[in-house]
C-alpha atoms as a PDB file:
ATOM      1  CA  UNK A   1      16.699 -13.893  -8.711  1.00  0.00           C
ATOM      2  CA  UNK A   2      15.417 -17.052  -7.039  1.00  0.00           C
ATOM      3  CA  UNK A   3      16.933 -19.311  -9.682  1.00  0.00           C
ATOM      4  CA  UNK A   4      20.225 -17.432  -9.606  1.00  0.00           C
ATOM      5  CA  UNK A   5      20.466 -17.912  -5.832  1.00  0.00           C
ATOM      6  CA  UNK A   6      19.384 -21.534  -6.260  1.00  0.00           C
ATOM      7  CA  UNK A   7      22.077 -22.151  -8.871  1.00  0.00           C
ATOM      8  CA  UNK A   8      24.876 -20.537  -6.885  1.00  0.00           C
ATOM      9  CA  UNK A   9      23.869 -22.228  -3.620  1.00  0.00           C
ATOM     10  CA  UNK A  10      23.505 -25.784  -4.877  1.00  0.00           C
ATOM     11  CA  UNK A  11      26.495 -25.531  -7.161  1.00  0.00           C
ATOM     12  CA  UNK A  12      28.513 -24.692  -4.071  1.00  0.00           C
ATOM     13  CA  UNK A  13      26.884 -27.364  -1.874  1.00  0.00           C
ATOM     14  CA  UNK A  14      27.310 -30.261  -4.329  1.00  0.00           C
ATOM     15  CA  UNK A  15      30.956 -29.492  -5.169  1.00  0.00           C
ATOM     16  CA  UNK A  16      33.130 -32.477  -4.228  1.00  0.00           C
ATOM     17  CA  UNK A  17      36.746 -31.925  -3.273  1.00  0.00           C
ATOM     18  CA  UNK A  18      36.598 -28.286  -4.309  1.00  0.00           C
ATOM     19  CA  UNK A  19      35.765 -29.146  -7.930  1.00  0.00           C
ATOM     20  CA  UNK A  20      33.339 -26.268  -8.486  1.00  0.00           C
ATOM     21  CA  UNK A  21      33.604 -26.396 -12.265  1.00  0.00           C
ATOM     22  CA  UNK A  22      31.965 -29.830 -12.488  1.00  0.00           C
ATOM     23  CA  UNK A  23      29.383 -28.955  -9.846  1.00  0.00           C
ATOM     24  CA  UNK A  24      28.268 -25.711 -11.504  1.00  0.00           C
ATOM     25  CA  UNK A  25      28.334 -27.308 -14.936  1.00  0.00           C
ATOM     26  CA  UNK A  26      26.034 -30.101 -13.725  1.00  0.00           C
ATOM     27  CA  UNK A  27      23.650 -27.642 -12.063  1.00  0.00           C
ATOM     28  CA  UNK A  28      23.616 -25.565 -15.244  1.00  0.00           C
ATOM     29  CA  UNK A  29      22.466 -28.437 -17.486  1.00  0.00           C
ATOM     30  CA  UNK A  30      19.876 -29.635 -14.953  1.00  0.00           C
ATOM     31  CA  UNK A  31      18.386 -26.263 -14.029  1.00  0.00           C
ATOM     32  CA  UNK A  32      16.015 -25.999 -17.062  1.00  0.00           C
ATOM     33  CA  UNK A  33      14.355 -29.307 -16.115  1.00  0.00           C
ATOM     34  CA  UNK A  34      13.701 -28.154 -12.566  1.00  0.00           C
ATOM     35  CA  UNK A  35      12.418 -24.792 -13.785  1.00  0.00           C
ATOM     36  CA  UNK A  36      10.049 -26.652 -16.133  1.00  0.00           C
ATOM     37  CA  UNK A  37       8.771 -28.870 -13.310  1.00  0.00           C
ATOM     38  CA  UNK A  38       8.256 -25.928 -10.955  1.00  0.00           C
ATOM     39  CA  UNK A  39       6.414 -23.648 -13.371  1.00  0.00           C
ATOM     40  CA  UNK A  40       4.295 -26.449 -14.802  1.00  0.00           C
ATOM     41  CA  UNK A  41       3.171 -27.202 -11.251  1.00  0.00           C
ATOM     42  CA  UNK A  42       2.491 -23.675  -9.983  1.00  0.00           C
ATOM     43  CA  UNK A  43       0.968 -22.263 -13.173  1.00  0.00           C
ATOM     44  CA  UNK A  44      -1.005 -25.278 -14.421  1.00  0.00           C
ATOM     45  CA  UNK A  45      -1.473 -28.107 -11.935  1.00  0.00           C
ATOM     46  CA  UNK A  46      -2.182 -25.972  -8.865  1.00  0.00           C
ATOM     47  CA  UNK A  47      -4.623 -23.435 -10.423  1.00  0.00           C
ATOM     48  CA  UNK A  48      -6.337 -25.934 -12.734  1.00  0.00           C
ATOM     49  CA  UNK A  49      -6.695 -28.875 -10.354  1.00  0.00           C
ATOM     50  CA  UNK A  50      -5.598 -28.298  -6.761  1.00  0.00           C
ATOM     51  CA  UNK A  51      -7.464 -25.003  -6.336  1.00  0.00           C
ATOM     52  CA  UNK A  52     -10.615 -26.670  -7.668  1.00  0.00           C
ATOM     53  CA  UNK A  53     -10.145 -29.688  -5.372  1.00  0.00           C
ATOM     54  CA  UNK A  54      -9.555 -32.093  -8.238  1.00  0.00           C
ATOM     55  CA  UNK A  55      -7.117 -34.032  -6.092  1.00  0.00           C
ATOM     56  CA  UNK A  56      -6.889 -37.153  -8.256  1.00  0.00           C
ATOM     57  CA  UNK A  57      -6.188 -35.113 -11.401  1.00  0.00           C
ATOM     58  CA  UNK A  58      -3.596 -33.070  -9.537  1.00  0.00           C
ATOM     59  CA  UNK A  59      -1.864 -36.114  -8.037  1.00  0.00           C
ATOM     60  CA  UNK A  60      -1.817 -37.949 -11.374  1.00  0.00           C
ATOM     61  CA  UNK A  61      -0.441 -34.943 -13.217  1.00  0.00           C
ATOM     62  CA  UNK A  62       2.123 -34.233 -10.533  1.00  0.00           C
ATOM     63  CA  UNK A  63       3.441 -37.793 -10.332  1.00  0.00           C
ATOM     64  CA  UNK A  64       3.618 -37.994 -14.122  1.00  0.00           C
ATOM     65  CA  UNK A  65       5.443 -34.660 -14.288  1.00  0.00           C
ATOM     66  CA  UNK A  66       8.037 -35.677 -11.688  1.00  0.00           C
ATOM     67  CA  UNK A  67       8.659 -39.015 -13.403  1.00  0.00           C
ATOM     68  CA  UNK A  68       9.077 -37.429 -16.852  1.00  0.00           C
ATOM     69  CA  UNK A  69      11.424 -34.779 -15.487  1.00  0.00           C
ATOM     70  CA  UNK A  70      13.441 -37.407 -13.616  1.00  0.00           C
ATOM     71  CA  UNK A  71      13.911 -39.396 -16.838  1.00  0.00           C
ATOM     72  CA  UNK A  72      14.896 -36.201 -18.684  1.00  0.00           C
ATOM     73  CA  UNK A  73      17.365 -35.360 -15.953  1.00  0.00           C
ATOM     74  CA  UNK A  74      18.909 -38.822 -16.213  1.00  0.00           C
ATOM     75  CA  UNK A  75      19.266 -38.397 -19.990  1.00  0.00           C
ATOM     76  CA  UNK A  76      20.851 -34.956 -19.580  1.00  0.00           C
ATOM     77  CA  UNK A  77      23.321 -36.277 -17.018  1.00  0.00           C
ATOM     78  CA  UNK A  78      24.216 -39.273 -19.195  1.00  0.00           C
ATOM     79  CA  UNK A  79      24.744 -37.382 -22.467  1.00  0.00           C
ATOM     80  CA  UNK A  80      25.964 -33.977 -21.286  1.00  0.00           C
ATOM     81  CA  UNK A  81      27.802 -34.728 -18.060  1.00  0.00           C
ATOM     82  CA  UNK A  82      28.910 -38.330 -17.585  1.00  0.00           C
ATOM     83  CA  UNK A  83      30.170 -38.595 -21.123  1.00  0.00           C
ATOM     84  CA  UNK A  84      32.152 -35.368 -20.795  1.00  0.00           C
ATOM     85  CA  UNK A  85      33.183 -34.706 -17.228  1.00  0.00           C
ATOM     86  CA  UNK A  86      33.314 -38.173 -15.672  1.00  0.00           C
ATOM     87  CA  UNK A  87      33.452 -41.806 -16.653  1.00  0.00           C
ATOM     88  CA  UNK A  88      30.187 -42.804 -18.301  1.00  0.00           C
ATOM     89  CA  UNK A  89      27.797 -45.115 -16.434  1.00  0.00           C
ATOM     90  CA  UNK A  90      24.765 -47.072 -17.601  1.00  0.00           C
ATOM     91  CA  UNK A  91      22.033 -44.985 -19.206  1.00  0.00           C
ATOM     92  CA  UNK A  92      19.121 -46.372 -17.239  1.00  0.00           C
ATOM     93  CA  UNK A  93      20.551 -46.180 -13.762  1.00  0.00           C
ATOM     94  CA  UNK A  94      17.688 -46.794 -11.305  1.00  0.00           C
ATOM     95  CA  UNK A  95      19.586 -45.169  -8.468  1.00  0.00           C
ATOM     96  CA  UNK A  96      20.191 -42.087 -10.600  1.00  0.00           C
ATOM     97  CA  UNK A  97      16.520 -41.835 -11.541  1.00  0.00           C
ATOM     98  CA  UNK A  98      15.408 -42.189  -7.906  1.00  0.00           C
ATOM     99  CA  UNK A  99      17.869 -39.510  -6.902  1.00  0.00           C
ATOM    100  CA  UNK A 100      16.540 -37.256  -9.656  1.00  0.00           C
ATOM    101  CA  UNK A 101      12.969 -37.816  -8.448  1.00  0.00           C
ATOM    102  CA  UNK A 102      13.928 -36.802  -4.909  1.00  0.00           C
ATOM    103  CA  UNK A 103      15.837 -33.683  -5.964  1.00  0.00           C
ATOM    104  CA  UNK A 104      13.219 -32.457  -8.441  1.00  0.00           C
ATOM    105  CA  UNK A 105      10.388 -33.184  -6.039  1.00  0.00           C
ATOM    106  CA  UNK A 106      12.147 -31.259  -3.253  1.00  0.00           C
ATOM    107  CA  UNK A 107      12.568 -28.207  -5.461  1.00  0.00           C
ATOM    108  CA  UNK A 108       8.966 -28.290  -6.707  1.00  0.00           C
ATOM    109  CA  UNK A 109       7.540 -28.767  -3.208  1.00  0.00           C
ATOM    110  CA  UNK A 110       9.561 -25.848  -1.859  1.00  0.00           C
ATOM    111  CA  UNK A 111       8.391 -23.401  -4.545  1.00  0.00           C
ATOM    112  CA  UNK A 112       4.830 -24.792  -4.502  1.00  0.00           C
ATOM    113  CA  UNK A 113       4.625 -24.167  -0.753  1.00  0.00           C
ATOM    114  CA  UNK A 114       5.487 -20.517  -1.386  1.00  0.00           C
ATOM    115  CA  UNK A 115       2.884 -20.322  -4.183  1.00  0.00           C
ATOM    116  CA  UNK A 116       0.146 -21.953  -2.091  1.00  0.00           C
ATOM    117  CA  UNK A 117       0.895 -19.579   0.798  1.00  0.00           C
ATOM    118  CA  UNK A 118       0.567 -16.649  -1.604  1.00  0.00           C
ATOM    119  CA  UNK A 119      -2.778 -17.962  -2.908  1.00  0.00           C
ATOM    120  CA  UNK A 120      -3.996 -18.477   0.671  1.00  0.00           C
ATOM    121  CA  UNK A 121      -3.190 -14.843   1.493  1.00  0.00           C
ATOM    122  CA  UNK A 122      -4.976 -13.624  -1.637  1.00  0.00           C
ATOM    123  CA  UNK A 123      -8.026 -15.744  -0.821  1.00  0.00           C
ATOM    124  CA  UNK A 124      -8.089 -14.313   2.682  1.00  0.00           C
ATOM    125  CA  UNK A 125      -7.896 -10.752   1.356  1.00  0.00           C
ATOM    126  CA  UNK A 126     -10.826 -11.372  -1.004  1.00  0.00           C
ATOM    127  CA  UNK A 127     -13.004 -12.882   1.718  1.00  0.00           C
ATOM    128  CA  UNK A 128     -12.102 -10.091   4.154  1.00  0.00           C
ATOM    129  CA  UNK A 129     -13.132  -7.565   1.510  1.00  0.00           C
ATOM    130  CA  UNK A 130     -16.519  -9.234   1.070  1.00  0.00           C
ATOM    131  CA  UNK A 131     -16.990  -9.515   4.842  1.00  0.00           C
ATOM    132  CA  UNK A 132     -16.381  -5.787   5.148  1.00  0.00           C
ATOM    133  CA  UNK A 133     -19.116  -5.191   2.596  1.00  0.00           C
ATOM    134  CA  UNK A 134     -21.570  -7.431   4.451  1.00  0.00           C
ATOM    135  CA  UNK A 135     -20.814  -5.807   7.813  1.00  0.00           C
ATOM    136  CA  UNK A 136     -21.272  -2.363   6.315  1.00  0.00           C
ATOM    137  CA  UNK A 137     -24.635  -3.390   4.895  1.00  0.00           C
ATOM    138  CA  UNK A 138     -25.884  -4.791   8.190  1.00  0.00           C
ATOM    139  CA  UNK A 139     -24.811  -1.636  10.000  1.00  0.00           C
ATOM    140  CA  UNK A 140     -26.971   0.606   7.795  1.00  0.00           C
ATOM    141  CA  UNK A 141     -30.646   1.355   8.303  1.00  0.00           C
ATOM    142  CA  UNK A 142     -32.953  -0.669   6.103  1.00  0.00           C
ATOM    143  CA  UNK A 143     -35.705   1.558   4.772  1.00  0.00           C
ATOM    144  CA  UNK A 144     -39.035   0.445   3.425  1.00  0.00           C
ATOM    145  CA  UNK A 145     -38.511   2.261   0.172  1.00  0.00           C
ATOM    146  CA  UNK A 146     -41.123   1.703  -2.496  1.00  0.00           C
ATOM    147  CA  UNK A 147     -39.944   1.396  -6.075  1.00  0.00           C
ATOM    148  CA  UNK A 148     -42.056   1.455  -9.192  1.00  0.00           C
ATOM    149  CA  UNK A 149     -41.419  -1.103 -11.903  1.00  0.00           C
ATOM    150  CA  UNK A 150     -43.115  -0.884 -15.263  1.00  0.00           C
ATOM    151  CA  UNK A 151     -43.907  -4.446 -16.339  1.00  0.00           C
ATOM    152  CA  UNK A 152     -46.705  -6.053 -18.331  1.00  0.00           C
ATOM    153  CA  UNK A 153     -48.230  -2.648 -19.139  1.00  0.00           C
ATOM    154  CA  UNK A 154     -48.658  -1.868 -15.433  1.00  0.00           C
ATOM    155  CA  UNK A 155     -46.746   0.101 -12.830  1.00  0.00           C
ATOM    156  CA  UNK A 156     -45.901  -2.309 -10.033  1.00  0.00           C
ATOM    157  CA  UNK A 157     -45.146  -0.762  -6.628  1.00  0.00           C
ATOM    158  CA  UNK A 158     -43.149  -3.010  -4.310  1.00  0.00           C
ATOM    159  CA  UNK A 159     -40.826  -2.452  -1.320  1.00  0.00           C
ATOM    160  CA  UNK A 160     -37.260  -2.283  -2.619  1.00  0.00           C
ATOM    161  CA  UNK A 161     -36.028  -4.651   0.064  1.00  0.00           C
ATOM    162  CA  UNK A 162     -38.305  -7.406  -1.251  1.00  0.00           C
ATOM    163  CA  UNK A 163     -36.189  -7.560  -4.390  1.00  0.00           C
ATOM    164  CA  UNK A 164     -33.546 -10.293  -4.221  1.00  0.00           C
ATOM    165  CA  UNK A 165     -31.614  -9.451  -7.376  1.00  0.00           C
ATOM    166  CA  UNK A 166     -31.963  -7.947 -10.827  1.00  0.00           C
ATOM    167  CA  UNK A 167     -30.891  -9.826 -13.945  1.00  0.00           C
ATOM    168  CA  UNK A 168     -29.948  -8.030 -17.132  1.00  0.00           C
ATOM    169  CA  UNK A 169     -30.767  -9.650 -20.484  1.00  0.00           C
ATOM    170  CA  UNK A 170     -29.916  -7.351 -23.343  1.00  0.00           C
ATOM    171  CA  UNK A 171     -32.503  -4.581 -23.668  1.00  0.00           C
ATOM    172  CA  UNK A 172     -34.627  -5.695 -20.707  1.00  0.00           C
ATOM    173  CA  UNK A 173     -34.156  -6.735 -17.079  1.00  0.00           C
ATOM    174  CA  UNK A 174     -35.855  -9.217 -14.764  1.00  0.00           C
ATOM    175  CA  UNK A 175     -36.605  -8.140 -11.192  1.00  0.00           C
ATOM    176  CA  UNK A 176     -36.546 -11.222  -8.956  1.00  0.00           C
ATOM    177  CA  UNK A 177     -38.459 -11.338  -5.676  1.00  0.00           C
ATOM    178  CA  UNK A 178     -39.036 -14.351  -3.455  1.00  0.00           C
ATOM    179  CA  UNK A 179     -42.296 -15.302  -5.200  1.00  0.00           C
ATOM    180  CA  UNK A 180     -42.389 -13.608  -8.601  1.00  0.00           C
ATOM    181  CA  UNK A 181     -40.471 -12.096 -11.502  1.00  0.00           C
ATOM    182  CA  UNK A 182     -41.132  -8.797 -13.219  1.00  0.00           C
ATOM    183  CA  UNK A 183     -39.820  -8.144 -16.718  1.00  0.00           C
ATOM    184  CA  UNK A 184     -39.140  -4.527 -17.597  1.00  0.00           C
ATOM    185  CA  UNK A 185     -37.745  -3.048 -20.788  1.00  0.00           C
ATOM    186  CA  UNK A 186     -34.868  -0.985 -19.437  1.00  0.00           C
ATOM    187  CA  UNK A 187     -31.122  -1.311 -19.000  1.00  0.00           C
ATOM    188  CA  UNK A 188     -29.313  -2.743 -16.003  1.00  0.00           C
ATOM    189  CA  UNK A 189     -27.464   0.556 -15.566  1.00  0.00           C
ATOM    190  CA  UNK A 190     -30.748   2.475 -15.451  1.00  0.00           C
ATOM    191  CA  UNK A 191     -32.202  -0.032 -12.982  1.00  0.00           C
ATOM    192  CA  UNK A 192     -29.203   0.417 -10.672  1.00  0.00           C
ATOM    193  CA  UNK A 193     -29.598   4.189 -10.672  1.00  0.00           C
ATOM    194  CA  UNK A 194     -33.198   3.846  -9.488  1.00  0.00           C
ATOM    195  CA  UNK A 195     -32.459   1.381  -6.665  1.00  0.00           C
ATOM    196  CA  UNK A 196     -31.244   2.083  -3.091  1.00  0.00           C
ATOM    197  CA  UNK A 197     -27.561   1.975  -2.189  1.00  0.00           C
ATOM    198  CA  UNK A 198     -27.702  -1.566  -0.817  1.00  0.00           C
ATOM    199  CA  UNK A 199     -28.093  -2.839  -4.392  1.00  0.00           C
ATOM    200  CA  UNK A 200     -24.672  -3.341  -5.951  1.00  0.00           C
ATOM    201  CA  UNK A 201     -23.416  -4.689  -9.238  1.00  0.00           C
ATOM    202  CA  UNK A 202     -21.517  -7.971  -8.973  1.00  0.00           C
ATOM    203  CA  UNK A 203     -21.462  -8.969 -12.645  1.00  0.00           C
ATOM    204  CA  UNK A 204     -22.170  -7.406 -16.025  1.00  0.00           C
ATOM    205  CA  UNK A 205     -25.578  -9.128 -15.876  1.00  0.00           C
ATOM    206  CA  UNK A 206     -26.520  -8.973 -12.168  1.00  0.00           C
ATOM    207  CA  UNK A 207     -27.385  -6.541  -9.387  1.00  0.00           C
ATOM    208  CA  UNK A 208     -27.927  -7.966  -5.903  1.00  0.00           C
ATOM    209  CA  UNK A 209     -29.682  -6.799  -2.765  1.00  0.00           C
ATOM    210  CA  UNK A 210     -26.927  -7.161  -0.168  1.00  0.00           C
ATOM    211  CA  UNK A 211     -29.540  -7.454   2.597  1.00  0.00           C
ATOM    212  CA  UNK A 212     -30.472 -10.886   1.216  1.00  0.00           C
ATOM    213  CA  UNK A 213     -26.981 -12.306   0.702  1.00  0.00           C
ATOM    214  CA  UNK A 214     -26.721 -15.594   2.612  1.00  0.00           C
ATOM    215  CA  UNK A 215     -23.238 -16.785   1.594  1.00  0.00           C
ATOM    216  CA  UNK A 216     -20.419 -15.776  -0.701  1.00  0.00           C
ATOM    217  CA  UNK A 217     -16.855 -16.389  -1.823  1.00  0.00           C
ATOM    218  CA  UNK A 218     -14.635 -14.840  -4.488  1.00  0.00           C
ATOM    219  CA  UNK A 219     -16.449 -16.672  -7.310  1.00  0.00           C
ATOM    220  CA  UNK A 220     -20.165 -16.343  -6.561  1.00  0.00           C
ATOM    221  CA  UNK A 221     -22.764 -14.903  -4.189  1.00  0.00           C
ATOM    222  CA  UNK A 222     -25.835 -16.748  -2.889  1.00  0.00           C
ATOM    223  CA  UNK A 223     -29.048 -14.706  -2.833  1.00  0.00           C
ATOM    224  CA  UNK A 224     -32.384 -16.293  -2.015  1.00  0.00           C
ATOM    225  CA  UNK A 225     -31.100 -19.772  -2.862  1.00  0.00           C
ATOM    226  CA  UNK A 226     -29.654 -18.612  -6.183  1.00  0.00           C
ATOM    227  CA  UNK A 227     -25.912 -18.719  -6.869  1.00  0.00           C
ATOM    228  CA  UNK A 228     -24.976 -15.659  -8.907  1.00  0.00           C
ATOM    229  CA  UNK A 229     -21.517 -15.304 -10.503  1.00  0.00           C
ATOM    230  CA  UNK A 230     -19.161 -12.656  -9.197  1.00  0.00           C
ATOM    231  CA  UNK A 231     -17.547 -11.076 -12.242  1.00  0.00           C
ATOM    232  CA  UNK A 232     -13.766 -10.781 -12.305  1.00  0.00           C
ATOM    233  CA  UNK A 233     -13.960  -7.058 -13.012  1.00  0.00           C
ATOM    234  CA  UNK A 234     -16.130  -6.485  -9.911  1.00  0.00           C
ATOM    235  CA  UNK A 235     -14.265  -8.626  -7.343  1.00  0.00           C
ATOM    236  CA  UNK A 236     -11.958  -5.848  -6.208  1.00  0.00           C
ATOM    237  CA  UNK A 237     -14.205  -2.967  -7.217  1.00  0.00           C
ATOM    238  CA  UNK A 238     -17.341  -3.613  -5.157  1.00  0.00           C
ATOM    239  CA  UNK A 239     -18.427  -0.562  -3.218  1.00  0.00           C
ATOM    240  CA  UNK A 240     -21.369   0.370  -1.060  1.00  0.00           C
ATOM    241  CA  UNK A 241     -21.046   4.033  -1.903  1.00  0.00           C
ATOM    242  CA  UNK A 242     -23.660   4.956  -4.436  1.00  0.00           C
ATOM    243  CA  UNK A 243     -21.506   7.346  -6.481  1.00  0.00           C
ATOM    244  CA  UNK A 244     -18.727   4.792  -6.959  1.00  0.00           C
ATOM    245  CA  UNK A 245     -21.138   1.940  -7.623  1.00  0.00           C
ATOM    246  CA  UNK A 246     -23.146   3.854 -10.187  1.00  0.00           C
ATOM    247  CA  UNK A 247     -19.895   4.785 -11.917  1.00  0.00           C
ATOM    248  CA  UNK A 248     -19.209   1.071 -12.308  1.00  0.00           C
END
């Protein structure tokens, strides 16, 4: 729908002396190049480089893309428009290439601004979701619950809130506290069922104690100085309600 509106609008705007046939024909042969430039930018350059703050890579790729598309546009105009609809000019017309750069760049910047705004909204929604989780955790009573962990042929009794996170490694898990690790032969799912509600699953291999979360974003969570990955499947499914969390 966007490209249809774009085509109709600019075909109408660029018509000279009421010659809409030439104007719409020119827009028709140039539209694929602009579509290529736009989608290459918003689906490759922005997510791969700009979102990861690789500014130099993004700028280099973007400038190269605009230049290549401008040259392609000049070739399309020369072979499919000037040689058919109007008197043919020189192939490598510097003014024509500069004009192509400006027009393509304007189109890409317009659509990219919409895409970046969309990504900004999504990022805000993700962070608001995590903030809600943190606020809910801090509003609950922290109990000195004692849990029993079978490790090294002994039953270790420690306060649940001293646990920072639990790491799953195949058929055993590692309970991490501030000063030690306990290895127990059980599953991560079983460990979660035996822990209080403020332990939630953030990844297929990690449970975290939300009382010890110090920072977070939509990619990882910091617990006790450790950055733990936030799994894609758990980003929108995190819950503090035990029944929902244990179902995960």
